[in-house]
Amino acid sequence: CKPAPPSDEEIDHVEPAPHSTTSGGQHHAHCIICYTTKLHLRRTITPCGHDDICWACHLQLRYLHSDKKCPVCKTTNETLIVDRDSPDVLEIDPNDGSTVHHKRFEQYQLWGNDLGGGYVYRDDVGMHFPKSEYEQNVVPLLGYACGMPGCSFSNSGASYVNERDKDNKNAKAGDNGGAGRTQKKRLTGIKALKTHLRTEHGYTLCDLCVENKRDFVSKLQRYTPQGLKEHQSKGDGDGSGFTGHPLCEFCKPLRFYDIVKLHEHLNKEHYKCHICDKLGKPNQVFKDY
């Protein structure tokens, strides 16, 4: 299995940020969301001109939350360009008048979704990435590799999981359940990852976290069966900010991603007493009439 994506400290271990010729340029040295000092290596160029946000923060908004609005001005930006600063570029930032070392969005020669051979376009998020940045950092982040220490399963190429191998692993030699099976069915993506984690490591993912995009799958925690029960009922421990997935008391053991999803279920499948609401006892819900 492929290890988890590299951290900010491990990514882009190259030269320091170019020094601006004006003091105002120092405002453009850090991502205004995560405050990474790597902004000059992973800057996102936007049509609205607010270019002080790194690609990782934009990708999180667009991929996990389907939010294409600029975090600063709330303009919807259908397309973004990821690029590095260059000391050879000297531009005046229209927002504060400082000198910056990156081009403006309109200075790129963009033909439809084509920015040239050095870039890769992700249609699902509307972002152009430099090819090297995409292959080194974006692909592992968005991928479905194992993530368990020491495992090289990358969920691609020759490392895929197939149904015959899975069934033969779980069946005794000579059993009709697997030994006589000859047809391979390739598993890819999240299905292959779940099968690999279960059969090779005895671990699993939380389906509620995966389906509701709590984080990139590559960053989601892998659980033992007992660990998954604790995660869903109690959360991930002190300091995590997560106290578990709420349970419907009428439909045990059915759980929901968060309290909002639980209330949607209660309002749709069960019955809320409006008389109690008028008597000052809100949210009194009953299984049926």
Protein backbone atom coordinates (compact mmCIF):
# COMPACT_ATOMS: atom_id res chain seq x y z
CA CYS A 1 0.00 0.00 0.00
CA LYS A 2 1.14 3.45 -0.83
CA PRO A 3 1.85 5.64 2.19
CA ALA A 4 -0.31 8.63 2.97
CA PRO A 5 0.27 11.82 0.93
CA PRO A 6 3.24 13.91 2.04
CA SER A 7 2.67 16.65 4.56
CA ASP A 8 3.20 20.35 3.87
CA GLU A 9 6.68 20.06 5.33
CA GLU A 10 7.57 17.23 2.94
CA ILE A 11 6.09 18.80 -0.18
CA ASP A 12 8.00 21.25 -2.36
CA HIS A 13 11.21 21.32 -0.32
CA VAL A 14 12.80 23.91 -2.58
CA GLU A 15 13.94 27.52 -2.57
CA PRO A 16 12.41 30.16 -0.25
CA ALA A 17 9.75 32.55 -1.46
CA PRO A 18 10.91 35.36 -3.75
CA HIS A 19 11.28 38.61 -1.84
CA SER A 20 8.95 41.34 -3.00
CA THR A 21 10.30 44.78 -3.77
CA THR A 22 7.67 46.41 -1.59
CA SER A 23 6.69 45.85 2.00
CA GLY A 24 3.11 45.31 0.85
CA GLY A 25 4.26 42.23 -1.04
CA GLN A 26 4.78 40.41 2.23
CA HIS A 27 1.00 40.09 2.45
CA HIS A 28 1.23 37.68 -0.51
CA ALA A 29 3.72 35.28 1.10
CA HIS A 30 1.23 33.05 2.95
CA CYS A 31 -2.03 31.32 2.10
CA ILE A 32 -4.77 33.29 3.81
CA ILE A 33 -6.62 30.08 4.76
CA CYS A 34 -4.00 27.57 5.95
CA TYR A 35 -1.13 30.10 6.25
CA THR A 36 1.35 27.81 4.52
CA THR A 37 4.69 29.40 3.70
CA LYS A 38 4.73 27.36 0.46
CA LEU A 39 2.27 29.68 -1.29
CA HIS A 40 4.88 30.83 -3.83
CA LEU A 41 5.18 27.19 -4.96
CA ARG A 42 1.46 26.36 -5.06
CA ARG A 43 -0.33 29.63 -5.80
CA THR A 44 -3.80 29.53 -7.35
CA ILE A 45 -4.49 32.20 -9.96
CA THR A 46 -8.16 33.22 -10.04
CA PRO A 47 -10.27 35.25 -12.51
CA CYS A 48 -11.40 37.48 -9.65
CA GLY A 49 -7.81 38.41 -8.75
CA HIS A 50 -7.63 37.03 -5.20
CA ASP A 51 -4.53 34.89 -5.67
CA ASP A 52 -3.35 34.43 -2.08
CA ILE A 53 -4.83 30.96 -1.55
CA CYS A 54 -2.93 27.72 -2.18
CA TRP A 55 -4.21 24.98 -4.48
CA ALA A 56 -4.71 22.56 -1.57
CA CYS A 57 -7.27 24.86 0.09
CA HIS A 58 -9.07 25.54 -3.20
CA LEU A 59 -9.11 21.82 -3.99
CA GLN A 60 -10.62 21.03 -0.61
CA LEU A 61 -13.41 23.55 -1.18
CA ARG A 62 -14.14 22.43 -4.72
CA TYR A 63 -13.67 18.65 -4.40
CA LEU A 64 -15.11 18.04 -0.94
CA HIS A 65 -17.73 20.79 -0.73
CA SER A 66 -18.52 21.54 -4.42
CA ASP A 67 -17.83 25.20 -3.65
CA LYS A 68 -16.36 27.21 -6.52
CA LYS A 69 -16.77 30.58 -4.84
CA CYS A 70 -13.78 32.73 -4.00
CA PRO A 71 -13.33 32.65 -0.19
CA VAL A 72 -12.60 36.40 -0.26
CA CYS A 73 -15.20 38.00 -2.55
CA LYS A 74 -17.59 35.04 -3.12
CA THR A 75 -17.31 35.33 -6.89
CA THR A 76 -17.91 31.99 -8.61
CA ASN A 77 -14.71 31.03 -10.45
CA GLU A 78 -15.36 28.20 -12.89
CA THR A 79 -11.66 27.83 -13.75
CA LEU A 80 -8.47 28.22 -11.71
CA ILE A 81 -4.79 27.99 -12.66
CA VAL A 82 -2.12 26.67 -10.31
CA ASP A 83 1.37 28.07 -10.84
CA ARG A 84 4.61 28.97 -9.10
CA ASP A 85 5.91 32.47 -8.50
CA SER A 86 8.89 33.58 -10.58
CA PRO A 87 11.41 36.34 -9.76
CA ASP A 88 11.31 37.22 -13.47
CA VAL A 89 7.65 38.26 -13.18
CA LEU A 90 6.91 41.71 -11.80
CA GLU A 91 3.25 42.68 -11.63
CA ILE A 92 1.26 45.20 -9.62
CA ASP A 93 -1.43 43.65 -7.47
CA PRO A 94 -4.70 45.49 -8.23
CA ASN A 95 -5.96 45.00 -4.69
CA ASP A 96 -3.18 46.71 -2.73
CA GLY A 97 -0.73 48.08 -5.31
CA SER A 98 2.18 45.92 -4.16
CA THR A 99 4.63 44.18 -6.47
CA VAL A 100 3.99 40.45 -6.91
CA HIS A 101 5.86 37.72 -8.78
CA HIS A 102 2.99 35.90 -10.46
CA LYS A 103 0.95 36.53 -13.57
CA ARG A 104 -2.68 37.55 -13.60
CA PHE A 105 -5.31 35.09 -14.80
CA GLU A 106 -5.94 36.96 -18.07
CA GLN A 107 -2.23 36.77 -18.99
CA TYR A 108 -2.39 32.98 -19.48
CA GLN A 109 -3.16 31.70 -22.98
CA LEU A 110 -6.15 29.54 -22.21
CA TRP A 111 -7.94 27.85 -25.11
CA GLY A 112 -11.10 26.31 -23.74
CA ASN A 113 -9.76 23.81 -21.20
CA ASP A 114 -6.30 23.67 -22.79
CA LEU A 115 -3.41 25.51 -21.17
CA GLY A 116 -0.63 23.68 -22.98
CA GLY A 117 1.34 20.48 -22.56
CA GLY A 118 2.85 21.45 -19.25
CA TYR A 119 -0.52 21.47 -17.47
CA VAL A 120 -3.11 18.89 -16.48
CA TYR A 121 -6.78 19.91 -16.27
CA ARG A 122 -9.16 18.36 -13.72
CA ASP A 123 -12.65 18.84 -15.08
CA ASP A 124 -14.39 17.84 -11.84
CA VAL A 125 -12.84 20.78 -9.97
CA GLY A 126 -12.08 23.12 -12.87
CA MET A 127 -8.39 23.47 -12.00
CA HIS A 128 -5.26 23.50 -14.16
CA PHE A 129 -2.20 21.99 -12.43
CA PRO A 130 1.43 21.98 -13.56
CA LYS A 131 2.06 18.40 -14.66
CA SER A 132 4.82 17.71 -12.12
CA GLU A 133 2.77 19.13 -9.24
CA TYR A 134 -0.25 17.12 -10.32
CA GLU A 135 1.59 13.80 -10.54
CA GLN A 136 3.63 14.28 -7.36
CA ASN A 137 1.02 15.70 -5.01
CA VAL A 138 -2.51 15.89 -6.44
CA VAL A 139 -2.80 12.30 -7.72
CA PRO A 140 -1.80 10.73 -4.35
CA LEU A 141 -4.11 13.11 -2.50
CA LEU A 142 -7.14 12.23 -4.65
CA GLY A 143 -6.23 8.57 -5.07
CA TYR A 144 -7.33 5.35 -3.38
CA ALA A 145 -4.00 3.86 -2.34
CA CYS A 146 -3.85 1.72 0.79
CA GLY A 147 -2.23 4.15 3.17
CA MET A 148 -1.17 1.48 5.67
CA PRO A 149 2.50 1.71 6.73
CA GLY A 150 4.79 -0.41 4.61
CA CYS A 151 2.18 -1.41 2.02
CA SER A 152 2.79 -0.64 -1.67
CA PHE A 153 -0.77 -1.19 -2.94
CA SER A 154 -1.41 1.82 -5.19
CA ASN A 155 -4.81 0.74 -6.58
CA SER A 156 -3.61 1.12 -10.15
CA GLY A 157 -1.88 -0.87 -12.86
CA ALA A 158 -0.87 -4.38 -11.81
CA SER A 159 -1.78 -3.80 -8.15
CA TYR A 160 -5.55 -3.94 -8.62
CA VAL A 161 -7.78 -6.36 -6.69
CA ASN A 162 -9.93 -8.86 -8.60
CA GLU A 163 -12.89 -10.96 -7.51
CA ARG A 164 -11.22 -14.30 -8.26
CA ASP A 165 -8.21 -13.55 -6.05
CA LYS A 166 -10.49 -12.28 -3.30
CA ASP A 167 -12.73 -15.36 -3.40
CA ASN A 168 -9.80 -17.79 -3.57
CA LYS A 169 -8.18 -16.14 -0.59
CA ASN A 170 -11.35 -16.61 1.46
CA ALA A 171 -12.17 -20.15 0.30
CA LYS A 172 -10.47 -23.43 1.11
CA ALA A 173 -8.87 -25.39 -1.71
CA GLY A 174 -11.48 -27.59 -3.41
CA ASP A 175 -14.49 -25.58 -2.16
CA ASN A 176 -17.04 -24.73 -4.81
CA GLY A 177 -17.13 -21.16 -3.53
CA GLY A 178 -13.82 -20.07 -5.04
CA ALA A 179 -11.46 -22.68 -6.41
CA GLY A 180 -13.44 -23.35 -9.58
CA ARG A 181 -13.91 -19.69 -10.41
CA THR A 182 -12.09 -18.63 -13.58
CA GLN A 183 -13.50 -15.23 -14.51
CA LYS A 184 -11.72 -12.17 -13.20
CA LYS A 185 -13.67 -9.07 -12.33
CA ARG A 186 -11.48 -6.05 -11.81
CA LEU A 187 -12.21 -3.89 -8.79
CA THR A 188 -11.11 -0.28 -8.96
CA GLY A 189 -11.36 2.88 -6.90
CA ILE A 190 -12.96 2.79 -3.48
CA LYS A 191 -14.25 -0.80 -3.91
CA ALA A 192 -10.74 -2.10 -4.55
CA LEU A 193 -9.38 -0.13 -1.58
CA LYS A 194 -12.03 -1.48 0.80
CA THR A 195 -11.45 -5.04 -0.38
CA HIS A 196 -7.70 -4.69 -0.05
CA LEU A 197 -7.88 -3.20 3.44
CA ARG A 198 -10.23 -5.94 4.62
CA THR A 199 -8.46 -8.95 3.10
CA GLU A 200 -4.83 -7.88 3.52
CA HIS A 201 -4.87 -5.90 6.76
CA GLY A 202 -8.16 -6.54 8.56
CA TYR A 203 -8.95 -2.81 8.44
CA THR A 204 -11.79 -0.80 7.01
CA LEU A 205 -13.00 2.71 6.27
CA CYS A 206 -16.00 4.51 7.72
CA ASP A 207 -18.59 4.51 4.91
CA LEU A 208 -20.34 7.55 6.37
CA CYS A 209 -17.12 9.58 6.25
CA VAL A 210 -16.37 8.40 2.71
CA GLU A 211 -19.85 9.04 1.33
CA ASN A 212 -20.15 12.48 2.93
CA LYS A 213 -16.60 13.52 1.97
CA ARG A 214 -15.37 14.29 5.45
CA ASP A 215 -11.89 14.46 3.94
CA PHE A 216 -9.92 13.05 1.02
CA VAL A 217 -10.02 9.25 1.19
CA SER A 218 -6.22 9.22 1.26
CA LYS A 219 -6.37 11.15 4.53
CA LEU A 220 -9.23 9.29 6.20
CA GLN A 221 -8.28 7.07 9.12
CA ARG A 222 -8.25 3.29 8.65
CA TYR A 223 -10.01 1.34 11.42
CA THR A 224 -10.10 -2.13 12.87
CA PRO A 225 -13.69 -3.46 13.26
CA GLN A 226 -13.64 -2.49 16.94
CA GLY A 227 -12.06 0.85 16.15
CA LEU A 228 -14.82 1.58 13.65
CA LYS A 229 -17.48 0.93 16.32
CA GLU A 230 -15.75 3.34 18.68
CA HIS A 231 -15.34 5.93 15.94
CA GLN A 232 -19.02 5.82 15.06
CA SER A 233 -20.33 5.77 18.63
CA LYS A 234 -17.79 7.90 20.53
CA GLY A 235 -15.69 9.76 17.96
CA ASP A 236 -11.95 9.90 17.50
CA GLY A 237 -10.86 10.91 20.98
CA ASP A 238 -10.07 14.11 22.83
CA GLY A 239 -8.92 16.97 20.64
CA SER A 240 -10.41 15.56 17.43
CA GLY A 241 -13.56 17.68 17.64
CA PHE A 242 -15.58 14.67 16.53
CA THR A 243 -17.88 12.86 18.96
CA GLY A 244 -19.34 10.18 16.69
CA HIS A 245 -22.06 9.69 14.11
CA PRO A 246 -25.53 10.19 15.66
CA LEU A 247 -27.82 7.18 16.03
CA CYS A 248 -31.51 7.04 15.17
CA GLU A 249 -33.07 5.59 18.32
CA PHE A 250 -35.98 4.23 16.29
CA CYS A 251 -33.89 2.53 13.59
CA LYS A 252 -30.97 1.05 15.51
CA PRO A 253 -28.22 0.42 14.50
CA LEU A 254 -28.70 3.00 11.71
CA ARG A 255 -26.37 5.99 12.08
CA PHE A 256 -26.03 9.24 10.14
CA TYR A 257 -23.10 11.44 9.25
CA ASP A 258 -24.10 14.38 11.46
CA ILE A 259 -27.03 15.87 13.34
CA VAL A 260 -28.31 17.60 10.18
CA LYS A 261 -28.55 14.28 8.32
CA LEU A 262 -30.23 12.70 11.35
CA HIS A 263 -32.89 15.43 11.49
CA GLU A 264 -33.53 15.04 7.75
CA HIS A 265 -34.18 11.35 8.41
CA LEU A 266 -36.40 12.05 11.42
CA ASN A 267 -38.50 14.58 9.51
CA LYS A 268 -38.91 12.22 6.56
CA GLU A 269 -39.36 8.81 8.21
CA HIS A 270 -40.77 9.64 11.67
CA TYR A 271 -43.20 12.05 13.26
CA LYS A 272 -42.67 15.32 15.09
CA CYS A 273 -45.29 16.42 17.62
CA HIS A 274 -46.39 19.96 16.76
CA ILE A 275 -48.54 20.18 19.90
CA CYS A 276 -45.41 19.71 22.00
CA ASP A 277 -43.77 22.48 19.98
CA LYS A 278 -46.58 24.89 20.96
CA LEU A 279 -46.29 23.79 24.60
CA GLY A 280 -42.62 24.74 24.65
CA LYS A 281 -41.22 21.21 24.22
CA PRO A 282 -39.51 21.31 20.81
CA ASN A 283 -38.12 18.38 18.84
CA GLN A 284 -40.35 15.71 20.36
CA VAL A 285 -40.16 12.95 17.75
CA PHE A 286 -42.01 9.63 17.71
CA LYS A 287 -41.51 6.49 15.66
CA ASP A 288 -45.08 6.47 14.32
CA TYR A 289 -48.57 7.69 15.08
